[in-house]
Amino acid sequence: MFLTICLSLIMMAGLFLLLYSGVALIQDKRLFTSAPREVYEAIRPKEERFPGAHLLGWQLSLLSVLIIFYPLYYGAVDGIRQGYVFGQFLVRFLIMILGVKAFDILFFDYCLLCHSSFCSHFYPETAPVLGPHLFGFNKRGHLIQILILTVISILLAWICSGIM
């Protein structure tokens, strides 16, 4: 269980690095399509924060994707070595994947989007439209993602338990 929680925390760090790379370094409006409509519309094109910022942002994004997915691989390999059965794999993957989703909802949406100046620091033009009223703007999307992630967890558990 300790390893599963550690792997989840690593995935969360990778997800935060991905967000930071997009918001602070890449600064391409197309990366904000999942933001609330009013925030998306308020964002204006930006100059590079410093020479090479966009390239660094894309490189960090690639690294963050690896940081997000490697713990799933490691968790699978460790489970196979430990002789996990389907239920054990399922619990591990559900904790990892749904834990990251909970982090997304609570930290990104509630803290960063609704109750901090994270976005307005990089995009001052969004300050008037940000606030607590935005929390839950994408409830339906989150519910669909939770269902899809649960199915993915079941498939991963099934595949890993069949490998043994």
Protein backbone atom coordinates (compact mmCIF):
# COMPACT_ATOMS: atom_id res chain seq x y z
CA MET A 1 0.00 0.00 0.00
CA PHE A 2 2.86 2.38 0.84
CA LEU A 3 4.38 1.88 -2.61
CA THR A 4 1.00 2.51 -4.25
CA ILE A 5 0.62 5.82 -2.43
CA CYS A 6 4.19 6.84 -3.30
CA LEU A 7 3.57 6.03 -6.95
CA SER A 8 0.37 8.08 -6.84
CA LEU A 9 2.28 11.06 -5.42
CA ILE A 10 4.84 10.77 -8.21
CA MET A 11 2.01 10.80 -10.76
CA MET A 12 0.56 13.91 -9.08
CA ALA A 13 3.93 15.66 -9.28
CA GLY A 14 4.11 14.82 -12.97
CA LEU A 15 0.63 16.20 -13.53
CA PHE A 16 1.58 19.44 -11.76
CA LEU A 17 4.74 19.71 -13.87
CA LEU A 18 2.59 19.26 -16.97
CA LEU A 19 0.26 22.07 -15.86
CA TYR A 20 3.16 24.36 -15.00
CA SER A 21 4.87 23.66 -18.33
CA GLY A 22 1.75 24.61 -20.24
CA VAL A 23 0.69 27.62 -18.20
CA ALA A 24 4.05 29.22 -17.44
CA LEU A 25 6.33 28.20 -20.30
CA ILE A 26 4.48 27.07 -23.43
CA GLN A 27 1.70 29.66 -23.04
CA ASP A 28 -0.30 28.48 -26.04
CA LYS A 29 -4.02 29.25 -25.77
CA ARG A 30 -4.86 25.93 -27.45
CA LEU A 31 -3.69 24.15 -24.29
CA PHE A 32 -6.47 25.81 -22.29
CA THR A 33 -9.46 24.24 -24.01
CA SER A 34 -10.42 22.42 -20.80
CA ALA A 35 -10.53 25.68 -18.83
CA PRO A 36 -13.86 27.42 -18.18
CA ARG A 37 -15.12 29.20 -21.28
CA GLU A 38 -14.79 32.68 -19.76
CA VAL A 39 -11.18 32.01 -18.73
CA TYR A 40 -10.33 30.62 -22.16
CA GLU A 41 -11.81 33.66 -23.88
CA ALA A 42 -9.94 36.08 -21.59
CA ILE A 43 -6.50 34.63 -22.38
CA ARG A 44 -4.45 36.69 -24.81
CA PRO A 45 -1.39 35.54 -26.83
CA LYS A 46 1.88 35.91 -24.92
CA GLU A 47 5.48 36.52 -25.84
CA GLU A 48 8.04 33.99 -24.64
CA ARG A 49 8.83 34.70 -20.99
CA PHE A 50 12.52 34.29 -21.84
CA PRO A 51 14.39 32.97 -24.90
CA GLY A 52 13.80 29.24 -25.17
CA ALA A 53 10.84 29.16 -22.75
CA HIS A 54 8.54 27.43 -25.23
CA LEU A 55 11.13 24.76 -26.04
CA LEU A 56 11.81 24.20 -22.35
CA GLY A 57 8.07 23.96 -21.73
CA TRP A 58 7.61 21.30 -24.41
CA GLN A 59 10.59 19.33 -23.06
CA LEU A 60 9.22 19.51 -19.51
CA SER A 61 5.81 18.44 -20.82
CA LEU A 62 7.32 15.35 -22.38
CA LEU A 63 9.20 14.59 -19.16
CA SER A 64 6.01 15.06 -17.15
CA VAL A 65 4.10 12.60 -19.33
CA LEU A 66 6.81 10.04 -18.62
CA ILE A 67 6.61 10.87 -14.91
CA ILE A 68 2.86 10.32 -15.00
CA PHE A 69 2.91 6.97 -16.81
CA TYR A 70 6.06 5.35 -15.43
CA PRO A 71 4.52 4.71 -11.98
CA LEU A 72 1.75 2.70 -13.66
CA TYR A 73 4.38 0.57 -15.37
CA TYR A 74 6.38 0.21 -12.15
CA GLY A 75 3.25 -0.65 -10.19
CA ALA A 76 2.37 -3.33 -12.72
CA VAL A 77 5.86 -4.86 -12.73
CA ASP A 78 6.01 -4.81 -8.92
CA GLY A 79 2.58 -6.44 -8.69
CA ILE A 80 3.62 -9.18 -11.10
CA ARG A 81 6.78 -9.81 -9.04
CA GLN A 82 4.71 -9.92 -5.85
CA GLY A 83 2.23 -12.37 -7.38
CA TYR A 84 -0.77 -10.04 -7.24
CA VAL A 85 -4.15 -11.33 -8.32
CA PHE A 86 -6.77 -9.33 -10.21
CA GLY A 87 -8.29 -7.72 -7.09
CA GLN A 88 -4.93 -6.54 -5.78
CA PHE A 89 -4.02 -5.02 -9.13
CA LEU A 90 -7.44 -3.40 -9.35
CA VAL A 91 -7.12 -1.78 -5.93
CA ARG A 92 -3.61 -0.53 -6.77
CA PHE A 93 -4.63 0.98 -10.10
CA LEU A 94 -7.84 2.49 -8.73
CA ILE A 95 -5.93 4.15 -5.88
CA MET A 96 -3.30 5.48 -8.27
CA ILE A 97 -5.52 6.65 -11.11
CA LEU A 98 -8.50 7.91 -9.13
CA GLY A 99 -6.15 9.48 -6.60
CA VAL A 100 -4.63 11.55 -9.39
CA LYS A 101 -8.14 12.47 -10.56
CA ALA A 102 -9.04 13.60 -7.04
CA PHE A 103 -5.84 15.67 -7.01
CA ASP A 104 -6.92 17.23 -10.30
CA ILE A 105 -10.32 18.19 -8.92
CA LEU A 106 -9.24 19.36 -5.47
CA PHE A 107 -5.87 20.95 -6.20
CA PHE A 108 -6.14 22.19 -9.77
CA ASP A 109 -9.80 23.15 -9.91
CA TYR A 110 -10.54 24.11 -6.31
CA CYS A 111 -7.19 25.55 -5.18
CA LEU A 112 -5.39 26.83 -8.25
CA LEU A 113 -8.33 27.86 -10.42
CA CYS A 114 -10.82 29.07 -7.83
CA HIS A 115 -8.89 30.14 -4.75
CA SER A 116 -5.41 31.30 -5.74
CA SER A 117 -3.72 33.72 -8.10
CA PHE A 118 -1.83 30.98 -9.97
CA CYS A 119 -3.55 31.57 -13.31
CA SER A 120 -3.81 35.33 -12.94
CA HIS A 121 -0.09 35.50 -12.15
CA PHE A 122 0.72 34.22 -15.63
CA TYR A 123 -2.38 35.66 -17.32
CA PRO A 124 -3.39 38.87 -15.50
CA GLU A 125 -6.26 39.37 -17.93
CA THR A 126 -8.03 36.36 -16.39
CA ALA A 127 -8.21 37.86 -12.87
CA PRO A 128 -11.70 39.37 -13.29
CA VAL A 129 -13.26 36.05 -14.34
CA LEU A 130 -11.53 33.76 -11.84
CA GLY A 131 -13.08 32.88 -8.51
CA PRO A 132 -14.89 30.30 -6.38
CA HIS A 133 -17.93 30.41 -8.66
CA LEU A 134 -15.96 28.39 -11.23
CA PHE A 135 -15.63 25.30 -9.04
CA GLY A 136 -17.63 22.47 -10.56
CA PHE A 137 -17.81 24.06 -14.02
CA ASN A 138 -16.88 20.68 -15.51
CA LYS A 139 -18.73 18.22 -13.23
CA ARG A 140 -20.08 16.20 -16.13
CA GLY A 141 -16.64 15.91 -17.71
CA HIS A 142 -15.12 14.78 -14.43
CA LEU A 143 -17.79 12.11 -13.96
CA ILE A 144 -17.22 10.79 -17.48
CA GLN A 145 -13.45 10.76 -16.88
CA ILE A 146 -13.92 8.88 -13.59
CA LEU A 147 -15.95 6.21 -15.39
CA ILE A 148 -13.37 5.94 -18.17
CA LEU A 149 -10.49 5.79 -15.66
CA THR A 150 -12.27 3.07 -13.71
CA VAL A 151 -12.63 1.01 -16.89
CA ILE A 152 -8.95 1.61 -17.67
CA SER A 153 -8.04 0.43 -14.14
CA ILE A 154 -10.09 -2.75 -14.66
CA LEU A 155 -8.42 -3.40 -18.01
CA LEU A 156 -4.93 -2.82 -16.59
CA ALA A 157 -5.68 -5.16 -13.68
CA TRP A 158 -7.03 -7.80 -16.04
CA ILE A 159 -4.00 -7.56 -18.33
CA CYS A 160 -1.50 -7.64 -15.45
CA SER A 161 -3.20 -10.55 -13.68
CA GLY A 162 -3.27 -12.48 -16.96
CA ILE A 163 0.47 -12.07 -17.49
CA MET A 164 1.39 -14.18 -14.46
